[in-house]
Amino acid sequence: MLLSRNNIIYSLTKKNTPKTLQLCLIDVKKTLCMWKNLPHLMCEPVDDEYDAFDTLSCIRDVLEERLVILSKHKLSKATPDMFPRLVVVVDELADLMLTEMRKYIEDELVHIAQVGRAVNISLVLATQNPLVKVCTSLIKANCPTRIALKTVSTRDSINILDNKNACLLDGVGCAIIRSADNPVERTFKSLYLSDTQIKEYTDNIKRNNK
């Protein structure tokens, strides 16, 4: 759950066009501003906790609309080309989970995580503060794929991966991934992207999608 969200956004937009991918960025700390005006965005990056809740509620509405379409087609799961893939990226989850909106935010995230995969909706949660109040048991139970860079303490590693392996990493881009389809943890090197590289990349996408 702790990985450079820029890497994920870069990879998704590199492999998908605006017609096949929609992004929703929730970014209270305003650290994803370099992705603003990207043609893949379904809305401008959300940078307020109350707007974040409203946005997640809108995502739930999209989810329910897609479920109705599935039902009409008598399908239990969408085909890859049935709907554009919608990826909701929440940067610094702690900024939402340590507020008075905590319970409402958790309910929306859990619902999207539980049902979204059936209708091509995915959820990416990132935090540098993986406390139990942030990475709750409900959220962890519904986010089977977890990624961690080097953590500052054993406690943080356990909160993310349920073991201390993340605090043993070398801290130079090394990360651990554990997914539902492969319970064996794998270590990999995370790609470093500078702000300059991201700007050049996004400018190129914007030019090509005018």
C-alpha atoms as a PDB file:
ATOM      1  CA  MET A   1       0.000   0.000   0.000  1.00  0.00           C
ATOM      2  CA  LEU A   2       3.023   2.241   0.171  1.00  0.00           C
ATOM      3  CA  LEU A   3       4.495   2.836  -3.268  1.00  0.00           C
ATOM      4  CA  SER A   4       5.100   5.868  -5.405  1.00  0.00           C
ATOM      5  CA  ARG A   5       1.653   6.573  -6.785  1.00  0.00           C
ATOM      6  CA  ASN A   6       3.394   8.394  -9.628  1.00  0.00           C
ATOM      7  CA  ASN A   7       4.804   5.062 -10.817  1.00  0.00           C
ATOM      8  CA  ILE A   8       1.343   3.538 -10.912  1.00  0.00           C
ATOM      9  CA  ILE A   9      -0.233   6.493 -12.721  1.00  0.00           C
ATOM     10  CA  TYR A  10       2.648   6.539 -15.219  1.00  0.00           C
ATOM     11  CA  SER A  11       2.312   2.823 -15.930  1.00  0.00           C
ATOM     12  CA  LEU A  12      -1.475   2.974 -16.313  1.00  0.00           C
ATOM     13  CA  THR A  13      -1.431   5.947 -18.695  1.00  0.00           C
ATOM     14  CA  LYS A  14       1.463   4.479 -20.672  1.00  0.00           C
ATOM     15  CA  LYS A  15      -0.541   1.332 -21.428  1.00  0.00           C
ATOM     16  CA  ASN A  16      -4.017   2.845 -21.825  1.00  0.00           C
ATOM     17  CA  THR A  17      -5.649   5.585 -23.865  1.00  0.00           C
ATOM     18  CA  PRO A  18      -8.187   8.054 -22.406  1.00  0.00           C
ATOM     19  CA  LYS A  19     -10.896   5.920 -24.035  1.00  0.00           C
ATOM     20  CA  THR A  20      -9.892   2.773 -22.161  1.00  0.00           C
ATOM     21  CA  LEU A  21      -8.825   4.321 -18.836  1.00  0.00           C
ATOM     22  CA  GLN A  22     -10.396   6.867 -16.506  1.00  0.00           C
ATOM     23  CA  LEU A  23      -8.511   8.171 -13.483  1.00  0.00           C
ATOM     24  CA  CYS A  24      -9.874   9.750 -10.337  1.00  0.00           C
ATOM     25  CA  LEU A  25      -7.170  11.312  -8.135  1.00  0.00           C
ATOM     26  CA  ILE A  26      -7.911  12.178  -4.506  1.00  0.00           C
ATOM     27  CA  ASP A  27      -4.991  14.217  -3.272  1.00  0.00           C
ATOM     28  CA  VAL A  28      -5.542  16.251  -0.099  1.00  0.00           C
ATOM     29  CA  LYS A  29      -1.834  17.121   0.177  1.00  0.00           C
ATOM     30  CA  LYS A  30      -1.786  18.395  -3.427  1.00  0.00           C
ATOM     31  CA  THR A  31       1.199  16.209  -4.336  1.00  0.00           C
ATOM     32  CA  LEU A  32      -0.310  14.953  -7.605  1.00  0.00           C
ATOM     33  CA  CYS A  33      -0.711  18.373  -9.205  1.00  0.00           C
ATOM     34  CA  MET A  34       1.677  17.436 -12.032  1.00  0.00           C
ATOM     35  CA  TRP A  35      -1.032  15.111 -13.393  1.00  0.00           C
ATOM     36  CA  LYS A  36      -3.599  17.924 -13.603  1.00  0.00           C
ATOM     37  CA  ASN A  37      -5.371  18.256 -16.995  1.00  0.00           C
ATOM     38  CA  LEU A  38      -4.307  14.759 -18.035  1.00  0.00           C
ATOM     39  CA  PRO A  39      -6.850  13.570 -20.641  1.00  0.00           C
ATOM     40  CA  HIS A  40      -7.386  10.337 -18.681  1.00  0.00           C
ATOM     41  CA  LEU A  41      -8.854  12.211 -15.709  1.00  0.00           C
ATOM     42  CA  MET A  42     -12.606  11.911 -15.161  1.00  0.00           C
ATOM     43  CA  CYS A  43     -12.420  15.048 -12.963  1.00  0.00           C
ATOM     44  CA  GLU A  44      -9.804  17.442 -11.648  1.00  0.00           C
ATOM     45  CA  PRO A  45      -7.688  16.088  -8.737  1.00  0.00           C
ATOM     46  CA  VAL A  46      -9.690  16.376  -5.503  1.00  0.00           C
ATOM     47  CA  ASP A  47      -7.826  18.180  -2.715  1.00  0.00           C
ATOM     48  CA  ASP A  48     -10.416  18.617   0.063  1.00  0.00           C
ATOM     49  CA  GLU A  49     -11.572  15.936   2.517  1.00  0.00           C
ATOM     50  CA  TYR A  50     -15.264  16.810   2.120  1.00  0.00           C
ATOM     51  CA  ASP A  51     -14.961  16.889  -1.657  1.00  0.00           C
ATOM     52  CA  ALA A  52     -13.167  13.539  -1.368  1.00  0.00           C
ATOM     53  CA  PHE A  53     -16.208  12.009   0.306  1.00  0.00           C
ATOM     54  CA  ASP A  54     -18.523  13.474  -2.341  1.00  0.00           C
ATOM     55  CA  THR A  55     -16.246  12.144  -5.085  1.00  0.00           C
ATOM     56  CA  LEU A  56     -16.193   8.657  -3.571  1.00  0.00           C
ATOM     57  CA  SER A  57     -19.994   8.807  -3.384  1.00  0.00           C
ATOM     58  CA  CYS A  58     -20.043   9.660  -7.109  1.00  0.00           C
ATOM     59  CA  ILE A  59     -17.769   6.693  -7.812  1.00  0.00           C
ATOM     60  CA  ARG A  60     -20.238   4.519  -5.918  1.00  0.00           C
ATOM     61  CA  ASP A  61     -23.019   5.852  -8.201  1.00  0.00           C
ATOM     62  CA  VAL A  62     -20.949   4.928 -11.273  1.00  0.00           C
ATOM     63  CA  LEU A  63     -20.396   1.501  -9.759  1.00  0.00           C
ATOM     64  CA  GLU A  64     -24.124   0.978  -9.162  1.00  0.00           C
ATOM     65  CA  GLU A  65     -24.962   2.113 -12.707  1.00  0.00           C
ATOM     66  CA  ARG A  66     -22.512  -0.415 -14.100  1.00  0.00           C
ATOM     67  CA  LEU A  67     -24.009  -3.137 -11.916  1.00  0.00           C
ATOM     68  CA  VAL A  68     -27.449  -2.377 -13.367  1.00  0.00           C
ATOM     69  CA  ILE A  69     -26.036  -2.783 -16.881  1.00  0.00           C
ATOM     70  CA  LEU A  70     -24.426  -6.073 -15.842  1.00  0.00           C
ATOM     71  CA  SER A  71     -27.754  -7.275 -14.508  1.00  0.00           C
ATOM     72  CA  LYS A  72     -29.525  -6.394 -17.763  1.00  0.00           C
ATOM     73  CA  HIS A  73     -26.957  -8.479 -19.639  1.00  0.00           C
ATOM     74  CA  LYS A  74     -27.297 -11.294 -17.076  1.00  0.00           C
ATOM     75  CA  LEU A  75     -23.567 -11.143 -16.298  1.00  0.00           C
ATOM     76  CA  SER A  76     -21.820 -11.429 -12.931  1.00  0.00           C
ATOM     77  CA  LYS A  77     -18.625  -9.744 -14.134  1.00  0.00           C
ATOM     78  CA  ALA A  78     -17.900  -7.195 -16.834  1.00  0.00           C
ATOM     79  CA  THR A  79     -15.858  -8.154 -19.864  1.00  0.00           C
ATOM     80  CA  PRO A  80     -12.609  -6.146 -20.293  1.00  0.00           C
ATOM     81  CA  ASP A  81     -14.132  -4.014 -23.073  1.00  0.00           C
ATOM     82  CA  MET A  82     -17.554  -3.505 -21.497  1.00  0.00           C
ATOM     83  CA  PHE A  83     -16.596  -0.389 -19.501  1.00  0.00           C
ATOM     84  CA  PRO A  84     -13.502   1.814 -19.429  1.00  0.00           C
ATOM     85  CA  ARG A  85     -11.264   0.839 -16.541  1.00  0.00           C
ATOM     86  CA  LEU A  86     -11.787   3.342 -13.739  1.00  0.00           C
ATOM     87  CA  VAL A  87      -8.903   3.624 -11.263  1.00  0.00           C
ATOM     88  CA  VAL A  88      -9.396   5.642  -8.087  1.00  0.00           C
ATOM     89  CA  VAL A  89      -6.078   6.757  -6.579  1.00  0.00           C
ATOM     90  CA  VAL A  90      -6.165   8.031  -2.992  1.00  0.00           C
ATOM     91  CA  ASP A  91      -2.885   9.678  -2.046  1.00  0.00           C
ATOM     92  CA  GLU A  92      -2.017   9.884   1.659  1.00  0.00           C
ATOM     93  CA  LEU A  93      -4.947   7.938   3.021  1.00  0.00           C
ATOM     94  CA  ALA A  94      -4.089   9.127   6.543  1.00  0.00           C
ATOM     95  CA  ASP A  95      -5.259  12.648   5.671  1.00  0.00           C
ATOM     96  CA  LEU A  96      -8.754  11.236   5.218  1.00  0.00           C
ATOM     97  CA  MET A  97      -8.785   8.491   7.824  1.00  0.00           C
ATOM     98  CA  LEU A  98      -7.622  10.711  10.696  1.00  0.00           C
ATOM     99  CA  THR A  99     -10.492  13.186  10.316  1.00  0.00           C
ATOM    100  CA  GLU A 100     -14.122  13.367  11.427  1.00  0.00           C
ATOM    101  CA  MET A 101     -15.065  11.905   8.023  1.00  0.00           C
ATOM    102  CA  ARG A 102     -13.161   8.715   8.817  1.00  0.00           C
ATOM    103  CA  LYS A 103     -16.103   6.314   9.103  1.00  0.00           C
ATOM    104  CA  TYR A 104     -17.831   7.614   5.978  1.00  0.00           C
ATOM    105  CA  ILE A 105     -14.600   7.479   3.962  1.00  0.00           C
ATOM    106  CA  GLU A 106     -13.884   3.922   5.131  1.00  0.00           C
ATOM    107  CA  ASP A 107     -17.404   2.760   4.197  1.00  0.00           C
ATOM    108  CA  GLU A 108     -17.098   4.171   0.678  1.00  0.00           C
ATOM    109  CA  LEU A 109     -13.605   2.738   0.131  1.00  0.00           C
ATOM    110  CA  VAL A 110     -14.597  -0.712   1.375  1.00  0.00           C
ATOM    111  CA  HIS A 111     -17.687  -0.796  -0.828  1.00  0.00           C
ATOM    112  CA  ILE A 112     -15.710   0.225  -3.916  1.00  0.00           C
ATOM    113  CA  ALA A 113     -13.024  -2.369  -3.119  1.00  0.00           C
ATOM    114  CA  GLN A 114     -15.588  -5.127  -2.538  1.00  0.00           C
ATOM    115  CA  VAL A 115     -17.771  -4.611  -5.595  1.00  0.00           C
ATOM    116  CA  GLY A 116     -15.697  -2.508  -7.988  1.00  0.00           C
ATOM    117  CA  ARG A 117     -13.580  -5.321  -9.387  1.00  0.00           C
ATOM    118  CA  ALA A 118     -16.700  -6.838 -10.994  1.00  0.00           C
ATOM    119  CA  VAL A 119     -17.261  -3.692 -13.083  1.00  0.00           C
ATOM    120  CA  ASN A 120     -13.680  -2.678 -13.975  1.00  0.00           C
ATOM    121  CA  ILE A 121     -13.228  -0.260 -11.063  1.00  0.00           C
ATOM    122  CA  SER A 122      -9.968  -0.466  -9.118  1.00  0.00           C
ATOM    123  CA  LEU A 123      -8.743   1.255  -5.983  1.00  0.00           C
ATOM    124  CA  VAL A 124      -5.177   2.359  -5.202  1.00  0.00           C
ATOM    125  CA  LEU A 125      -4.521   3.569  -1.644  1.00  0.00           C
ATOM    126  CA  ALA A 126      -1.213   5.146  -0.662  1.00  0.00           C
ATOM    127  CA  THR A 127       0.057   6.341   2.710  1.00  0.00           C
ATOM    128  CA  GLN A 128       3.307   7.200   4.429  1.00  0.00           C
ATOM    129  CA  ASN A 129       1.629   6.742   7.791  1.00  0.00           C
ATOM    130  CA  PRO A 130       0.323   3.143   7.921  1.00  0.00           C
ATOM    131  CA  LEU A 131      -1.227   3.279  11.387  1.00  0.00           C
ATOM    132  CA  VAL A 132      -3.904   0.807  12.424  1.00  0.00           C
ATOM    133  CA  LYS A 133      -6.416   3.684  12.276  1.00  0.00           C
ATOM    134  CA  VAL A 134      -5.384   4.286   8.648  1.00  0.00           C
ATOM    135  CA  CYS A 135      -4.838   0.760   7.313  1.00  0.00           C
ATOM    136  CA  THR A 136      -7.841  -0.645   9.139  1.00  0.00           C
ATOM    137  CA  SER A 137      -8.681  -4.334   9.230  1.00  0.00           C
ATOM    138  CA  LEU A 138     -11.687  -3.710   6.960  1.00  0.00           C
ATOM    139  CA  ILE A 139      -9.610  -1.894   4.361  1.00  0.00           C
ATOM    140  CA  LYS A 140      -6.819  -4.489   4.488  1.00  0.00           C
ATOM    141  CA  ALA A 141      -9.294  -7.366   4.151  1.00  0.00           C
ATOM    142  CA  ASN A 142     -10.629  -5.846   0.937  1.00  0.00           C
ATOM    143  CA  CYS A 143      -7.264  -4.803  -0.541  1.00  0.00           C
ATOM    144  CA  PRO A 144      -5.518  -8.168  -0.987  1.00  0.00           C
ATOM    145  CA  THR A 145      -2.658  -6.744  -3.073  1.00  0.00           C
ATOM    146  CA  ARG A 146      -0.244  -4.830  -0.863  1.00  0.00           C
ATOM    147  CA  ILE A 147       3.025  -3.101  -1.700  1.00  0.00           C
ATOM    148  CA  ALA A 148       5.547  -1.630   0.702  1.00  0.00           C
ATOM    149  CA  LEU A 149       8.753   0.338   0.360  1.00  0.00           C
ATOM    150  CA  LYS A 150      11.147   0.413   3.312  1.00  0.00           C
ATOM    151  CA  THR A 151       9.303   1.255   6.524  1.00  0.00           C
ATOM    152  CA  VAL A 152      10.791   3.135   9.480  1.00  0.00           C
ATOM    153  CA  SER A 153       9.574   0.589  12.015  1.00  0.00           C
ATOM    154  CA  THR A 154       8.586  -3.037  12.406  1.00  0.00           C
ATOM    155  CA  ARG A 155       5.117  -1.875  13.449  1.00  0.00           C
ATOM    156  CA  ASP A 156       4.551  -0.097  10.118  1.00  0.00           C
ATOM    157  CA  SER A 157       5.711  -3.151   8.174  1.00  0.00           C
ATOM    158  CA  ILE A 158       3.357  -5.400  10.130  1.00  0.00           C
ATOM    159  CA  ASN A 159       0.452  -3.003   9.557  1.00  0.00           C
ATOM    160  CA  ILE A 160       1.003  -3.240   5.792  1.00  0.00           C
ATOM    161  CA  LEU A 161       2.249  -6.782   5.169  1.00  0.00           C
ATOM    162  CA  ASP A 162       1.499  -8.568   8.469  1.00  0.00           C
ATOM    163  CA  ASN A 163       5.237  -9.207   8.871  1.00  0.00           C
ATOM    164  CA  LYS A 164       8.445  -7.220   9.453  1.00  0.00           C
ATOM    165  CA  ASN A 165      10.003  -7.736   6.008  1.00  0.00           C
ATOM    166  CA  ALA A 166       9.458  -4.161   4.785  1.00  0.00           C
ATOM    167  CA  CYS A 167      11.663  -2.687   7.508  1.00  0.00           C
ATOM    168  CA  LEU A 168      14.515  -4.936   6.301  1.00  0.00           C
ATOM    169  CA  LEU A 169      14.619  -3.436   2.790  1.00  0.00           C
ATOM    170  CA  ASP A 170      17.611  -1.341   1.708  1.00  0.00           C
ATOM    171  CA  GLY A 171      15.554   1.824   1.170  1.00  0.00           C
ATOM    172  CA  VAL A 172      16.845   2.569  -2.355  1.00  0.00           C
ATOM    173  CA  GLY A 173      13.680   1.909  -4.312  1.00  0.00           C
ATOM    174  CA  CYS A 174      13.351  -1.690  -3.129  1.00  0.00           C
ATOM    175  CA  ALA A 175       9.758  -2.762  -2.539  1.00  0.00           C
ATOM    176  CA  ILE A 176       7.793  -5.865  -1.577  1.00  0.00           C
ATOM    177  CA  ILE A 177       4.559  -6.943  -3.246  1.00  0.00           C
ATOM    178  CA  ARG A 178       2.086  -9.532  -2.077  1.00  0.00           C
ATOM    179  CA  SER A 179      -1.000 -10.240  -4.157  1.00  0.00           C
ATOM    180  CA  ALA A 180      -4.096 -12.388  -3.811  1.00  0.00           C
ATOM    181  CA  ASP A 181      -3.147 -14.619  -6.760  1.00  0.00           C
ATOM    182  CA  ASN A 182       0.381 -15.190  -5.421  1.00  0.00           C
ATOM    183  CA  PRO A 183       0.722 -15.304  -1.617  1.00  0.00           C
ATOM    184  CA  VAL A 184       4.518 -15.571  -1.949  1.00  0.00           C
ATOM    185  CA  GLU A 185       6.042 -12.126  -1.436  1.00  0.00           C
ATOM    186  CA  ARG A 186       8.277 -10.765  -4.189  1.00  0.00           C
ATOM    187  CA  THR A 187      10.894  -8.038  -3.971  1.00  0.00           C
ATOM    188  CA  PHE A 188      11.415  -5.600  -6.840  1.00  0.00           C
ATOM    189  CA  LYS A 189      13.006  -2.264  -7.637  1.00  0.00           C
ATOM    190  CA  SER A 190      10.648   0.688  -7.893  1.00  0.00           C
ATOM    191  CA  LEU A 191      11.104   3.078 -10.822  1.00  0.00           C
ATOM    192  CA  TYR A 192      12.218   6.592  -9.902  1.00  0.00           C
ATOM    193  CA  LEU A 193      10.437   9.409 -11.716  1.00  0.00           C
ATOM    194  CA  SER A 194      11.565  13.000 -11.271  1.00  0.00           C
ATOM    195  CA  ASP A 195       9.142  15.934 -11.494  1.00  0.00           C
ATOM    196  CA  THR A 196      10.857  16.968 -14.727  1.00  0.00           C
ATOM    197  CA  GLN A 197      10.331  13.536 -16.290  1.00  0.00           C
ATOM    198  CA  ILE A 198       6.677  13.526 -15.269  1.00  0.00           C
ATOM    199  CA  LYS A 199       6.126  16.997 -16.750  1.00  0.00           C
ATOM    200  CA  GLU A 200       7.743  15.999 -20.052  1.00  0.00           C
ATOM    201  CA  TYR A 201       5.649  12.844 -20.147  1.00  0.00           C
ATOM    202  CA  THR A 202       2.335  14.550 -19.347  1.00  0.00           C
ATOM    203  CA  ASP A 203       3.020  17.402 -21.792  1.00  0.00           C
ATOM    204  CA  ASN A 204       3.571  14.817 -24.513  1.00  0.00           C
ATOM    205  CA  ILE A 205       0.296  13.022 -23.693  1.00  0.00           C
ATOM    206  CA  LYS A 206      -1.633  16.304 -23.720  1.00  0.00           C
ATOM    207  CA  ARG A 207      -0.166  17.265 -27.118  1.00  0.00           C
ATOM    208  CA  ASN A 208      -1.091  13.896 -28.604  1.00  0.00           C
ATOM    209  CA  ASN A 209      -4.653  13.985 -27.313  1.00  0.00           C
ATOM    210  CA  LYS A 210      -5.743  17.465 -28.387  1.00  0.00           C
END
